[in-house]
Protein backbone atom coordinates (compact mmCIF):
# COMPACT_ATOMS: atom_id res chain seq x y z
CA MET A 1 111.95 -107.10 -5.48
CA VAL A 2 115.56 -106.11 -4.88
CA LYS A 3 116.43 -102.54 -4.03
CA LYS A 4 119.85 -101.47 -5.28
CA ASN A 5 121.62 -98.33 -4.14
CA ILE A 6 124.94 -97.37 -5.70
CA ILE A 7 127.02 -94.69 -4.07
CA ALA A 8 130.35 -93.60 -5.57
CA TRP A 9 133.00 -91.27 -4.24
CA GLY A 10 136.78 -91.00 -4.53
CA GLY A 11 137.28 -94.17 -6.61
CA ILE A 12 135.11 -96.34 -4.33
CA MET A 13 131.75 -97.65 -5.42
CA ILE A 14 129.48 -99.13 -2.77
CA ILE A 15 126.56 -101.26 -3.86
CA CYS A 16 123.93 -101.87 -1.20
CA LEU A 17 121.32 -104.53 -1.84
CA ALA A 18 118.28 -105.15 0.29
CA ALA A 19 115.59 -107.71 -0.44
CA PRO A 20 112.70 -109.13 1.54
CA MET A 21 113.63 -112.40 3.23
CA ALA A 22 111.91 -115.57 2.09
CA ALA A 23 112.40 -119.20 3.00
CA GLY A 24 115.76 -120.34 1.70
CA ASP A 25 116.88 -116.75 1.04
CA HIS A 26 120.33 -115.44 1.91
CA PRO A 27 120.74 -112.92 4.68
CA ARG A 28 121.24 -109.39 3.56
CA TYR A 29 124.72 -108.61 2.38
CA ARG A 30 126.78 -105.62 1.44
CA SER A 31 129.30 -105.35 -1.36
CA PHE A 32 132.07 -102.84 -1.92
CA VAL A 33 134.08 -102.25 -5.09
CA PHE A 34 137.54 -100.73 -4.67
CA GLU A 35 139.52 -99.34 -7.57
CA ASP A 36 143.29 -99.15 -7.93
CA ASP A 37 144.59 -96.33 -5.71
CA GLY A 38 148.09 -96.30 -7.22
CA THR A 39 149.63 -98.28 -4.35
CA TYR A 40 147.13 -101.10 -3.85
CA PRO A 41 145.66 -102.66 -6.99
CA ASN A 42 142.37 -103.55 -5.27
CA ASN A 43 139.89 -105.15 -7.68
CA ALA A 44 137.51 -103.01 -9.73
CA GLY A 45 135.99 -106.14 -11.28
CA LEU A 46 135.09 -108.12 -8.13
CA PRO A 47 133.45 -106.63 -5.05
CA VAL A 48 134.23 -107.43 -1.42
CA ILE A 49 131.16 -109.22 -0.04
CA VAL A 50 130.14 -108.81 3.60
CA LEU A 51 127.69 -111.38 4.97
CA PRO A 52 126.50 -110.08 8.35
CA GLN A 53 125.59 -112.85 10.80
CA ALA A 54 126.12 -115.64 8.28
CA PHE A 55 126.65 -117.72 11.42
CA THR A 56 124.59 -117.19 14.57
CA ALA A 57 126.86 -115.86 17.28
CA ALA A 58 126.04 -116.22 20.97
CA PRO A 59 128.56 -114.62 21.74
CA THR A 60 130.97 -116.81 19.74
CA VAL A 61 130.73 -119.26 16.85
CA ASP A 62 132.33 -122.70 16.82
CA PRO A 63 135.30 -122.21 14.45
CA ALA A 64 135.04 -125.84 13.37
CA ALA A 65 131.51 -125.11 12.07
CA ILE A 66 132.87 -122.27 9.92
CA GLU A 67 135.72 -124.44 8.64
CA THR A 68 133.36 -127.32 7.83
CA LEU A 69 131.00 -125.12 5.81
CA PHE A 70 133.83 -123.31 4.02
CA GLU A 71 135.43 -126.64 3.10
CA LYS A 72 132.10 -128.12 1.96
CA ASN A 73 131.86 -125.16 -0.46
CA GLY A 74 135.41 -125.54 -1.79
CA TRP A 75 137.19 -123.00 0.43
CA ASP A 76 139.93 -124.77 2.34
CA SER A 77 140.58 -123.44 5.83
CA ALA A 78 144.16 -122.33 6.13
CA TRP A 79 144.40 -120.78 9.58
CA ARG A 80 142.77 -119.48 12.77
CA ASN A 81 144.20 -116.24 14.08
CA GLY A 82 143.58 -112.49 13.73
CA LEU A 83 143.96 -109.85 11.03
CA PHE A 84 147.28 -108.09 10.42
CA ALA A 85 147.50 -104.46 11.60
CA PHE A 86 149.10 -103.33 8.34
CA HIS A 87 147.77 -102.94 4.80
CA HIS A 88 148.30 -106.09 2.78
CA TYR A 89 146.70 -107.98 -0.09
CA HIS A 90 146.99 -111.30 -1.87
CA SER A 91 147.77 -111.38 -5.58
CA THR A 92 147.38 -115.14 -6.02
CA ALA A 93 144.18 -115.99 -4.11
CA HIS A 94 140.79 -114.75 -3.00
CA GLU A 95 140.19 -114.89 0.78
CA SER A 96 137.23 -115.59 3.05
CA LEU A 97 137.30 -114.48 6.69
CA GLY A 98 134.82 -116.02 9.14
CA ILE A 99 134.75 -114.12 12.43
CA TYR A 100 134.16 -116.57 15.28
CA SER A 101 134.85 -114.44 18.33
CA GLY A 102 134.82 -110.75 19.21
CA TRP A 103 134.95 -107.91 16.69
CA VAL A 104 137.44 -106.18 14.41
CA LYS A 105 137.45 -102.73 12.84
CA ALA A 106 138.85 -103.39 9.36
CA ARG A 107 139.97 -101.00 6.63
CA LEU A 108 139.35 -102.33 3.13
CA GLY A 109 140.74 -100.86 -0.09
CA GLY A 110 143.82 -99.08 1.29
CA PRO A 111 144.23 -95.88 3.33
CA GLY A 112 141.43 -94.10 1.45
CA GLY A 113 139.12 -97.12 1.52
CA GLU A 114 136.16 -98.11 3.65
CA THR A 115 136.20 -98.92 7.37
CA LEU A 116 133.76 -101.46 8.71
CA THR A 117 133.27 -103.38 11.94
CA ALA A 118 132.86 -107.15 11.62
CA ARG A 119 131.55 -109.20 14.54
CA ALA A 120 131.36 -112.87 15.51
CA GLY A 121 129.16 -114.58 12.93
CA ASP A 122 130.07 -112.24 10.05
CA VAL A 123 131.90 -113.39 6.91
CA LEU A 124 133.98 -111.20 4.60
CA VAL A 125 134.89 -112.42 1.12
CA ILE A 126 137.86 -110.46 -0.20
CA PRO A 127 138.87 -110.73 -3.86
CA ALA A 128 142.51 -110.98 -4.87
CA GLY A 129 144.18 -107.58 -4.90
CA VAL A 130 142.00 -105.85 -2.28
CA SER A 131 144.01 -104.34 0.57
CA HIS A 132 142.82 -105.06 4.11
CA LYS A 133 144.06 -104.04 7.56
CA ASN A 134 143.09 -104.35 11.24
CA LEU A 135 142.45 -100.89 12.74
CA GLY A 136 141.46 -102.23 16.16
CA GLN A 137 139.84 -105.25 17.74
CA SER A 138 138.30 -106.69 20.87
CA ALA A 139 140.57 -108.71 23.16
CA ASP A 140 138.80 -111.92 22.09
CA PHE A 141 138.83 -111.33 18.31
CA CYS A 142 139.52 -114.50 16.30
CA VAL A 143 138.91 -115.42 12.66
CA VAL A 144 139.09 -118.42 10.33
CA GLY A 145 140.86 -117.65 7.06
CA ALA A 146 140.17 -119.73 3.95
CA TYR A 147 141.03 -119.72 0.25
CA PRO A 148 139.37 -121.39 -2.74
CA ARG A 149 140.60 -124.94 -3.21
CA GLY A 150 143.76 -124.99 -5.33
CA GLN A 151 144.70 -121.35 -4.66
CA SER A 152 147.87 -120.57 -2.69
CA TRP A 153 148.04 -117.17 -1.05
CA ASP A 154 150.96 -114.77 -1.02
CA MET A 155 151.57 -111.56 0.94
CA MET A 156 151.87 -108.23 -0.82
CA TYR A 157 152.31 -104.90 0.96
CA GLY A 158 151.93 -102.15 -1.63
CA LYS A 159 155.70 -101.75 -1.90
CA PRO A 160 157.51 -100.44 -4.97
CA GLY A 161 158.46 -103.28 -7.30
CA GLU A 162 155.40 -105.47 -6.58
CA ARG A 163 153.63 -104.19 -9.65
CA PRO A 164 153.01 -104.88 -12.53
CA GLN A 165 153.69 -108.54 -11.67
CA ALA A 166 151.03 -108.45 -8.92
CA ASP A 167 148.50 -106.96 -11.35
CA ASP A 168 149.13 -109.79 -13.81
CA ALA A 169 148.77 -112.39 -11.05
CA ILE A 170 145.46 -110.89 -9.84
CA ARG A 171 144.00 -110.99 -13.37
CA ASN A 172 144.87 -114.70 -13.55
CA VAL A 173 143.31 -115.80 -10.24
CA PRO A 174 140.37 -118.06 -11.18
CA LEU A 175 136.91 -117.44 -9.80
CA PRO A 176 135.90 -119.80 -6.97
CA ALA A 177 133.49 -122.62 -7.79
CA ALA A 178 131.09 -121.56 -5.01
CA ASP A 179 130.27 -118.95 -2.39
CA PRO A 180 132.05 -119.97 0.87
CA VAL A 181 128.82 -119.88 2.91
CA PHE A 182 125.91 -120.45 0.51
CA GLY A 183 127.56 -122.60 -2.14
CA LYS A 184 126.28 -122.44 -5.71
CA THR A 185 123.35 -120.17 -4.78
CA GLY A 186 125.28 -117.55 -2.81
CA PRO A 187 125.69 -113.86 -3.58
CA LEU A 188 129.25 -114.44 -4.78
CA MET A 189 127.89 -116.45 -7.71
CA ARG A 190 125.84 -113.43 -8.86
CA LEU A 191 128.36 -110.71 -8.08
CA TRP A 192 131.59 -112.33 -9.26
CA LYS A 193 131.32 -113.00 -13.00
């Protein structure tokens, strides 16, 4: 049985799912839906998915292991680095972030959005249009960034003149063929339709 809690306030809907674990089950995950705030389009149709401890961290994860799994599931690794300390979004690609060292306090959905702390082993799947920003990090914070095969990312900042072209681009970004961690059976396949 799956327990579903939906909490909504100020244009943000948070869906929390919890289910008993069984062999072959996915770890628990959280999903957040962010609506257009007037500056950042966000994505009211596709939630951000947070997979806590998708990779076992002790205290770091081999970044090559994250890249290998992402690539196996059709998410090509593009970079290893950090997370920008300014609000930005991508209008031409979805993004998966695999934290392999340290922690980051991230703001999702723009200035009025949700703040969460992601740690080594966690994966965030961010749909096109959703603003994200680094609010603080450990000295050893590092992440693998990946995008669905065939998608090229751009950088958008919520500046005047980006929209409505960015909105049109976001609507035309195809859904990925698989969840970056769990493939065809992952939560993304149920939540992104």
